[in-house]
Protein backbone atom coordinates (compact mmCIF):
# COMPACT_ATOMS: atom_id res chain seq x y z
CA UNK A 1 162.61 16.55 -37.01
CA UNK A 2 159.15 17.61 -36.76
CA UNK A 3 156.33 16.22 -34.67
CA UNK A 4 153.18 15.86 -36.67
CA UNK A 5 150.36 17.75 -35.76
CA UNK A 6 147.60 15.79 -33.71
CA UNK A 7 144.73 14.94 -35.92
CA UNK A 8 140.87 14.76 -34.58
CA UNK A 9 138.73 11.88 -34.59
CA UNK A 10 136.26 11.26 -37.54
CA UNK A 11 133.02 12.81 -37.36
CA UNK A 12 130.21 10.82 -35.12
CA UNK A 13 127.77 8.94 -36.69
CA UNK A 14 124.50 8.68 -34.38
CA UNK A 15 122.99 5.46 -36.46
CA UNK A 16 126.23 3.53 -35.80
CA UNK A 17 127.47 4.74 -32.55
CA UNK A 18 131.22 5.01 -33.84
CA UNK A 19 133.50 6.93 -35.97
CA UNK A 20 133.13 6.64 -39.49
CA UNK A 21 135.64 4.12 -41.06
CA UNK A 22 137.31 6.59 -43.78
CA UNK A 23 138.59 8.94 -40.94
CA UNK A 24 138.77 6.83 -38.04
CA UNK A 25 142.48 6.88 -36.39
CA UNK A 26 144.48 4.06 -36.57
CA UNK A 27 144.08 1.25 -34.01
CA UNK A 28 146.86 0.75 -31.68
CA UNK A 29 146.82 -2.19 -29.77
CA UNK A 30 146.09 -1.61 -26.09
CA UNK A 31 147.14 -4.13 -23.06
CA UNK A 32 144.46 -6.05 -21.67
CA UNK A 33 142.37 -4.79 -18.91
CA UNK A 34 142.34 -6.63 -15.84
CA UNK A 35 138.64 -7.02 -14.04
CA UNK A 36 138.18 -4.47 -11.16
CA UNK A 37 138.18 -5.82 -7.76
CA UNK A 38 135.24 -6.52 -5.97
CA UNK A 39 135.39 -3.36 -3.82
CA UNK A 40 135.73 -1.42 -6.85
CA UNK A 41 132.34 -2.33 -7.99
CA UNK A 42 130.62 -0.86 -4.93
CA UNK A 43 129.15 2.70 -5.77
CA UNK A 44 131.13 5.88 -4.84
CA UNK A 45 130.79 7.83 -1.71
CA UNK A 46 129.25 10.45 -3.71
CA UNK A 47 126.39 8.21 -5.23
CA UNK A 48 123.08 9.26 -3.21
CA UNK A 49 122.51 5.97 -2.13
CA UNK A 50 125.98 5.33 -0.92
CA UNK A 51 126.26 4.13 2.68
CA UNK A 52 121.93 3.95 3.18
CA UNK A 53 120.32 0.78 4.00
CA UNK A 54 117.69 -0.40 1.62
CA UNK A 55 114.15 0.71 2.57
CA UNK A 56 112.17 -2.03 4.42
CA UNK A 57 108.88 -3.14 2.55
CA UNK A 58 105.92 -1.97 5.23
CA UNK A 59 104.66 -4.64 7.57
CA UNK A 60 100.94 -5.34 6.34
CA UNK A 61 98.09 -3.70 8.76
CA UNK A 62 96.15 -6.29 10.97
CA UNK A 63 92.38 -5.81 10.49
CA UNK A 64 90.35 -3.66 8.30
CA UNK A 65 91.08 0.10 7.46
CA UNK A 66 87.47 0.90 7.85
CA UNK A 67 85.80 -1.18 11.02
CA UNK A 68 82.40 0.20 10.46
CA UNK A 69 82.41 -1.31 6.82
CA UNK A 70 82.81 -4.44 8.10
CA UNK A 71 80.46 -4.20 10.88
CA UNK A 72 78.08 -3.22 8.01
CA UNK A 73 78.73 -6.06 6.12
CA UNK A 74 77.93 -8.29 8.88
CA UNK A 75 74.65 -6.94 9.62
CA UNK A 76 73.67 -6.01 6.24
CA UNK A 77 70.09 -7.10 5.99
CA UNK A 78 69.79 -5.34 9.67
CA UNK A 79 70.97 -2.08 8.29
CA UNK A 80 69.18 -2.37 4.78
CA UNK A 81 65.75 -3.28 6.21
CA UNK A 82 65.66 -0.91 9.13
CA UNK A 83 63.50 2.61 8.60
CA UNK A 84 65.22 4.43 11.61
CA UNK A 85 68.76 4.36 13.27
CA UNK A 86 66.67 3.27 16.35
CA UNK A 87 66.05 -0.13 15.04
CA UNK A 88 69.60 -0.73 14.16
CA UNK A 89 70.81 0.37 17.47
CA UNK A 90 68.33 -2.01 19.04
CA UNK A 91 69.59 -5.01 16.71
CA UNK A 92 73.00 -4.44 17.51
CA UNK A 93 72.67 -4.72 21.19
CA UNK A 94 70.71 -7.98 20.55
CA UNK A 95 73.85 -9.20 18.93
CA UNK A 96 75.83 -8.28 22.08
CA UNK A 97 77.35 -4.97 20.80
CA UNK A 98 77.50 -2.66 23.75
CA UNK A 99 78.75 0.89 24.11
CA UNK A 100 82.18 -0.79 25.37
CA UNK A 101 82.18 -2.41 22.11
CA UNK A 102 81.34 0.68 20.14
CA UNK A 103 84.48 2.28 21.11
CA UNK A 104 86.67 0.03 19.16
CA UNK A 105 84.75 1.28 16.01
CA UNK A 106 85.57 4.93 17.04
CA UNK A 107 81.68 5.76 18.86
CA UNK A 108 81.24 6.94 21.88
CA UNK A 109 77.94 4.63 21.88
CA UNK A 110 76.02 2.21 20.15
CA UNK A 111 73.57 4.97 19.06
CA UNK A 112 76.15 7.09 17.04
CA UNK A 113 77.35 3.93 15.57
CA UNK A 114 73.89 2.78 14.72
CA UNK A 115 73.40 6.50 13.00
CA UNK A 116 76.63 6.12 10.79
CA UNK A 117 75.47 2.10 9.47
CA UNK A 118 72.12 3.83 9.00
CA UNK A 119 73.78 7.01 6.77
CA UNK A 120 76.02 4.43 4.95
CA UNK A 121 73.10 2.55 3.49
CA UNK A 122 72.60 3.23 -0.44
CA UNK A 123 70.37 5.71 -1.20
CA UNK A 124 68.75 3.36 -3.79
CA UNK A 125 68.00 0.78 -1.17
CA UNK A 126 64.13 -0.18 -0.92
CA UNK A 127 63.65 0.15 3.11
CA UNK A 128 60.00 -1.03 2.71
CA UNK A 129 60.55 -4.42 1.06
CA UNK A 130 58.20 -7.31 0.98
CA UNK A 131 60.23 -9.72 3.01
CA UNK A 132 59.73 -7.14 6.38
CA UNK A 133 57.41 -7.70 8.58
CA UNK A 134 54.91 -5.02 9.55
CA UNK A 135 56.24 -3.06 12.39
CA UNK A 136 55.19 0.04 14.56
CA UNK A 137 57.07 3.07 12.81
CA UNK A 138 59.81 4.66 14.77
CA UNK A 139 58.58 7.92 16.96
CA UNK A 140 58.66 11.47 15.40
CA UNK A 141 58.23 14.58 17.02
CA UNK A 142 55.10 15.22 15.05
CA UNK A 143 53.46 11.98 16.32
CA UNK A 144 54.84 9.16 18.59
CA UNK A 145 54.77 5.82 17.37
CA UNK A 146 51.94 3.13 18.45
CA UNK A 147 48.30 3.45 18.53
CA UNK A 148 48.19 7.42 18.20
CA UNK A 149 45.18 8.14 16.24
CA UNK A 150 41.99 8.90 18.04
CA UNK A 151 40.16 5.84 16.08
CA UNK A 152 42.74 3.39 17.33
CA UNK A 153 42.02 4.82 21.08
CA UNK A 154 38.38 4.42 20.57
CA UNK A 155 38.28 1.06 18.94
CA UNK A 156 40.64 -0.70 21.27
CA UNK A 157 39.47 0.84 24.38
CA UNK A 158 35.79 -0.26 23.55
CA UNK A 159 37.01 -3.59 22.75
CA UNK A 160 39.17 -3.57 26.33
CA UNK A 161 35.92 -2.82 28.10
CA UNK A 162 33.72 -5.65 26.16
CA UNK A 163 34.84 -8.67 28.68
CA UNK A 164 33.80 -6.57 31.59
CA UNK A 165 30.26 -6.14 29.75
CA UNK A 166 29.81 -9.72 29.05
CA UNK A 167 30.81 -10.52 32.82
CA UNK A 168 28.55 -8.34 34.14
CA UNK A 169 25.50 -9.50 32.00
CA UNK A 170 26.55 -13.16 32.93
CA UNK A 171 26.86 -12.23 36.07
CA UNK A 172 22.97 -10.35 36.46
CA UNK A 173 21.41 -13.61 34.55
CA UNK A 174 22.80 -16.09 36.87
CA UNK A 175 21.42 -14.09 39.71
CA UNK A 176 18.29 -13.89 38.46
CA UNK A 177 18.00 -17.65 37.06
CA UNK A 178 18.06 -20.97 38.44
CA UNK A 179 18.14 -24.56 37.66
CA UNK A 180 18.70 -26.00 33.91
CA UNK A 181 18.02 -22.47 33.05
CA UNK A 182 20.68 -20.83 35.41
CA UNK A 183 23.37 -23.71 33.82
CA UNK A 184 22.46 -22.75 30.41
CA UNK A 185 23.20 -19.04 31.25
CA UNK A 186 26.85 -19.96 32.73
CA UNK A 187 27.79 -22.24 29.58
CA UNK A 188 26.79 -19.09 27.43
CA UNK A 189 28.06 -16.88 29.11
CA UNK A 190 31.26 -18.59 29.99
CA UNK A 191 31.49 -19.13 25.77
CA UNK A 192 30.58 -15.53 25.05
CA UNK A 193 33.69 -14.05 28.05
CA UNK A 194 36.26 -16.36 25.92
CA UNK A 195 35.19 -15.09 22.56
CA UNK A 196 35.62 -11.32 24.01
CA UNK A 197 38.72 -12.03 25.86
CA UNK A 198 40.29 -13.78 22.74
CA UNK A 199 39.05 -10.68 20.84
CA UNK A 200 40.49 -8.32 23.07
CA UNK A 201 44.05 -9.65 23.07
CA UNK A 202 43.99 -9.76 19.05
CA UNK A 203 44.17 -6.21 18.84
CA UNK A 204 45.36 -2.90 20.49
CA UNK A 205 48.35 -2.74 22.77
CA UNK A 206 48.16 -6.21 24.04
CA UNK A 207 48.17 -7.93 20.78
CA UNK A 208 50.70 -10.62 19.85
CA UNK A 209 49.84 -12.62 17.18
CA UNK A 210 52.34 -15.41 16.38
CA UNK A 211 54.60 -14.87 19.32
CA UNK A 212 52.11 -16.47 22.18
CA UNK A 213 53.28 -20.50 23.29
CA UNK A 214 50.93 -22.78 22.16
CA UNK A 215 50.72 -24.18 26.35
CA UNK A 216 50.38 -20.42 27.56
CA UNK A 217 46.62 -20.86 26.89
CA UNK A 218 46.31 -23.92 28.82
CA UNK A 219 47.68 -22.48 31.78
CA UNK A 220 45.60 -19.54 31.71
CA UNK A 221 42.41 -21.04 31.64
CA UNK A 222 43.41 -23.53 34.88
CA UNK A 223 44.49 -20.34 36.87
CA UNK A 224 41.07 -19.19 36.03
CA UNK A 225 39.09 -22.23 37.04
CA UNK A 226 40.94 -22.36 40.12
CA UNK A 227 39.94 -18.65 40.55
CA UNK A 228 36.23 -19.60 40.07
CA UNK A 229 36.37 -23.21 41.83
CA UNK A 230 39.76 -23.55 43.70
CA UNK A 231 39.13 -22.28 46.91
CA UNK A 232 36.04 -24.35 47.61
CA UNK A 233 37.37 -27.44 46.23
CA UNK A 234 40.58 -26.80 48.93
CA UNK A 235 38.28 -25.77 51.63
CA UNK A 236 36.22 -29.24 51.32
CA UNK A 237 39.32 -30.91 51.10
CA UNK A 238 40.78 -29.76 54.40
CA UNK A 239 37.59 -30.62 56.14
CA UNK A 240 37.66 -33.93 54.77
CA UNK A 241 36.01 -34.33 51.64
CA UNK A 242 35.16 -33.28 49.01
CA UNK A 243 31.66 -34.16 50.03
CA UNK A 244 29.75 -32.47 46.84
CA UNK A 245 29.98 -29.76 44.39
CA UNK A 246 31.77 -26.89 46.06
CA UNK A 247 30.69 -23.60 45.40
CA UNK A 248 31.73 -20.77 42.73
CA UNK A 249 33.15 -17.35 43.42
CA UNK A 250 32.23 -15.36 39.96
CA UNK A 251 33.23 -11.84 41.29
CA UNK A 252 36.80 -12.09 41.29
CA UNK A 253 36.39 -13.14 37.23
CA UNK A 254 34.10 -10.25 36.76
CA UNK A 255 37.18 -7.94 38.28
CA UNK A 256 39.66 -9.29 36.09
CA UNK A 257 37.24 -8.94 33.12
CA UNK A 258 36.91 -4.95 33.68
CA UNK A 259 41.12 -5.00 34.34
CA UNK A 260 41.78 -5.56 30.58
CA UNK A 261 40.86 -1.88 30.15
CA UNK A 262 43.69 -0.55 32.46
CA UNK A 263 45.97 -3.28 31.58
CA UNK A 264 45.79 -2.22 27.86
CA UNK A 265 46.26 1.61 28.75
CA UNK A 266 48.88 0.50 30.77
CA UNK A 267 50.54 -1.62 27.74
CA UNK A 268 49.72 1.29 25.57
CA UNK A 269 51.49 3.69 27.97
CA UNK A 270 54.89 1.55 28.43
CA UNK A 271 55.16 1.29 24.52
CA UNK A 272 54.82 4.80 23.87
CA UNK A 273 57.19 6.27 26.73
CA UNK A 274 59.61 3.37 26.13
CA UNK A 275 60.04 4.78 22.75
CA UNK A 276 60.10 8.44 23.34
CA UNK A 277 62.78 7.45 25.65
CA UNK A 278 64.71 5.43 23.22
CA UNK A 279 64.51 8.27 20.79
CA UNK A 280 66.12 10.46 23.63
CA UNK A 281 68.70 8.39 25.13
CA UNK A 282 72.18 8.42 23.86
CA UNK A 283 73.39 5.25 25.45
CA UNK A 284 72.19 1.45 26.50
CA UNK A 285 72.81 2.07 29.76
CA UNK A 286 71.06 5.64 29.83
CA UNK A 287 67.81 3.93 28.23
CA UNK A 288 67.75 1.37 30.60
CA UNK A 289 68.01 3.57 33.82
CA UNK A 290 64.74 5.17 32.70
CA UNK A 291 62.88 2.10 31.16
CA UNK A 292 62.76 0.53 34.23
CA UNK A 293 61.35 2.59 36.75
CA UNK A 294 58.72 3.00 33.83
CA UNK A 295 57.76 -0.11 33.91
CA UNK A 296 57.48 -0.85 37.90
CA UNK A 297 55.25 2.65 37.86
CA UNK A 298 53.26 1.29 35.59
CA UNK A 299 52.76 -2.44 37.12
CA UNK A 300 52.24 -0.21 40.63
CA UNK A 301 49.48 1.56 38.92
CA UNK A 302 47.47 -1.51 37.76
CA UNK A 303 48.04 -2.93 40.67
CA UNK A 304 46.07 0.01 42.77
CA UNK A 305 43.07 0.00 39.64
CA UNK A 306 42.83 -3.45 40.02
CA UNK A 307 42.43 -3.75 43.60
CA UNK A 308 39.78 -0.78 43.47
CA UNK A 309 37.88 -2.81 40.74
CA UNK A 310 38.22 -6.08 43.12
CA UNK A 311 36.84 -4.32 46.12
CA UNK A 312 34.05 -2.50 44.25
CA UNK A 313 32.65 -5.73 42.15
CA UNK A 314 32.89 -7.48 45.78
CA UNK A 315 30.80 -4.84 47.11
CA UNK A 316 28.47 -4.37 44.25
CA UNK A 317 27.17 -8.21 44.23
CA UNK A 318 27.55 -8.40 48.18
CA UNK A 319 30.47 -10.90 48.44
CA UNK A 320 31.87 -11.00 51.71
CA UNK A 321 34.70 -13.36 50.89
CA UNK A 322 35.66 -11.31 47.86
CA UNK A 323 36.58 -8.23 50.19
CA UNK A 324 39.01 -10.48 51.93
CA UNK A 325 41.38 -13.15 50.49
CA UNK A 326 39.30 -13.15 47.27
CA UNK A 327 40.84 -9.70 46.70
CA UNK A 328 44.25 -10.89 47.08
CA UNK A 329 44.06 -13.49 44.67
CA UNK A 330 42.33 -11.58 42.12
CA UNK A 331 45.42 -8.54 42.54
CA UNK A 332 47.74 -11.04 42.17
CA UNK A 333 46.26 -13.25 39.22
CA UNK A 334 45.67 -9.97 37.57
CA UNK A 335 49.48 -8.95 38.01
CA UNK A 336 50.83 -12.40 36.59
CA UNK A 337 48.32 -11.98 33.68
CA UNK A 338 49.53 -8.42 32.93
CA UNK A 339 53.59 -9.13 32.90
CA UNK A 340 53.15 -12.47 30.86
CA UNK A 341 51.22 -10.81 28.44
CA UNK A 342 53.56 -7.97 28.44
CA UNK A 343 56.34 -10.24 27.89
CA UNK A 344 54.84 -12.25 24.95
CA UNK A 345 54.39 -9.01 23.40
CA UNK A 346 57.82 -7.61 23.69
CA UNK A 347 59.09 -11.56 22.34
CA UNK A 348 59.70 -13.36 25.56
CA UNK A 349 57.01 -16.09 25.07
CA UNK A 350 58.39 -18.73 27.14
CA UNK A 351 59.36 -16.82 30.19
CA UNK A 352 55.83 -16.05 30.40
CA UNK A 353 54.59 -19.69 29.91
CA UNK A 354 57.01 -20.55 32.56
CA UNK A 355 55.66 -18.03 34.93
CA UNK A 356 52.09 -19.27 34.37
CA UNK A 357 53.27 -22.80 34.41
CA UNK A 358 54.81 -22.61 38.16
CA UNK A 359 51.48 -21.17 39.61
CA UNK A 360 49.56 -23.85 38.06
CA UNK A 361 51.98 -26.54 39.37
CA UNK A 362 51.84 -25.06 42.90
CA UNK A 363 48.01 -24.80 43.29
CA UNK A 364 47.75 -28.45 41.71
CA UNK A 365 50.39 -29.48 44.45
CA UNK A 366 48.40 -28.10 46.94
CA UNK A 367 44.99 -29.27 46.24
CA UNK A 368 46.98 -32.93 46.07
CA UNK A 369 48.66 -32.91 48.90
CA UNK A 370 46.13 -32.52 51.50
CA UNK A 371 44.84 -35.80 50.60
CA UNK A 372 48.30 -37.36 50.31
CA UNK A 373 48.41 -36.29 53.67
CA UNK A 374 45.95 -38.65 54.94
CA UNK A 375 48.15 -41.68 53.99
CA UNK A 376 49.90 -43.20 57.17
CA UNK A 377 53.01 -41.29 57.71
CA UNK A 378 52.43 -38.78 55.36
CA UNK A 379 51.61 -36.00 57.38
CA UNK A 380 54.21 -33.80 56.71
CA UNK A 381 52.86 -33.37 52.77
CA UNK A 382 49.78 -31.50 53.91
CA UNK A 383 51.37 -29.36 56.65
CA UNK A 384 52.48 -26.42 54.49
CA UNK A 385 49.28 -26.24 53.08
CA UNK A 386 47.26 -26.40 56.30
CA UNK A 387 49.77 -23.75 58.07
CA UNK A 388 48.72 -21.11 55.02
CA UNK A 389 45.32 -21.79 55.19
CA UNK A 390 45.38 -21.38 59.04
CA UNK A 391 47.02 -18.18 58.89
CA UNK A 392 45.63 -16.75 55.66
CA UNK A 393 42.39 -19.01 54.83
CA UNK A 394 41.73 -20.73 51.61
CA UNK A 395 42.63 -17.64 49.74
CA UNK A 396 46.14 -17.87 50.55
CA UNK A 397 47.30 -20.69 48.57
CA UNK A 398 46.51 -19.27 45.41
CA UNK A 399 47.58 -15.53 46.16
CA UNK A 400 51.28 -16.95 47.76
CA UNK A 401 51.20 -19.19 44.36
CA UNK A 402 50.29 -16.28 41.61
CA UNK A 403 52.21 -13.80 43.96
CA UNK A 404 55.60 -15.63 43.64
CA UNK A 405 55.05 -16.03 39.72
CA UNK A 406 54.37 -12.78 39.37
CA UNK A 407 57.64 -11.42 41.41
CA UNK A 408 59.55 -13.68 39.34
CA UNK A 409 58.26 -12.42 36.23
CA UNK A 410 58.43 -8.61 37.32
CA UNK A 411 61.83 -9.43 37.91
CA UNK A 412 62.63 -10.84 34.30
CA UNK A 413 60.63 -8.23 32.60
CA UNK A 414 62.43 -5.18 34.54
CA UNK A 415 65.79 -6.78 32.79
CA UNK A 416 64.19 -7.78 29.75
CA UNK A 417 62.15 -5.03 28.89
CA UNK A 418 64.88 -2.33 30.01
CA UNK A 419 66.60 -3.29 26.68
CA UNK A 420 66.57 -1.44 23.50
CA UNK A 421 66.49 -4.51 21.87
CA UNK A 422 62.88 -5.32 22.88
CA UNK A 423 61.49 -2.07 21.79
CA UNK A 424 62.37 -2.63 18.03
């Protein structure tokens, strides 16, 4: 018996994925296939993923990937309207961002952070929009900010000397007139001096248009009126009066009028030197350490010049009272005016008005306490004023009042004006 030769399967048809029917082998029944167990369905050991845990989905990152971009979006208007990185640095400091906070944005200080924010502003952004208020340009090496041109110097220097000239002419006119003519000369001189002071404060380094508190002008006029007539009134009150019209002292007012020139120069120097310090500083603490001694030095220089002007005015018009207590009152009042104006110029008008109002309150209470002390059992009310008068004279009361207010404003100015945000 011969075994038949094996036959090869028929040709493969790729379209039907099966053997052709005419040459397919005979179908033989096959036993039923049992389902694979669960363990057999796992991948074999040779599979590359066999035995490896499935990769977990990475956890979401907390916070933005670019913190500087988020900060720029938060202060978008500040970055778009700034014409120099120093303005952005000052604005960030005003919003509470310090050098320590800048480290969270991967920068060593606020200045380097401001430089990156300034550089990230799109090139097509218009930095000189109509909404932007008029500001002094940032300092450059060619010329510093502020009143740097010779024409500006000449203009505001001549304007600052105008109150002194008007006051001197008024005082000379009062010396050579009498009766009704003297009264008319005094009224005309007071109006002219007031107009010259207002014009001087509207231009130059002491300009603070739209920032002053309306009540601040009232406190200034009160202090000037007390400088003219307050000592005479207080003297008569202590003596049991008032008995009649009290004398007025005009030489302290003349010294204050001429002091507008050194006051404007001190404000100008502080603005220029502070911006130079701001441009050279690489940190907020570095700028504060240099700006604070600068302010104290300029205030001390103004005090020295004002003292010389007060003594010169008293000697020129033969005012013996002005050489003594009048000089102390003039110097303290002039220093108070300068510090109040600086705070107003640099955006602190409420603090300036508070200092002026405090000095006015002390002077008013001093004048009221003397007649109040005449009431039965109220002697203690007039005791402090009488003690001051016995020690330093009637000029000691306004000198102490203005001096205490000036010291308070000086402490506040040393903190507020040594911040970069005050010089934007």
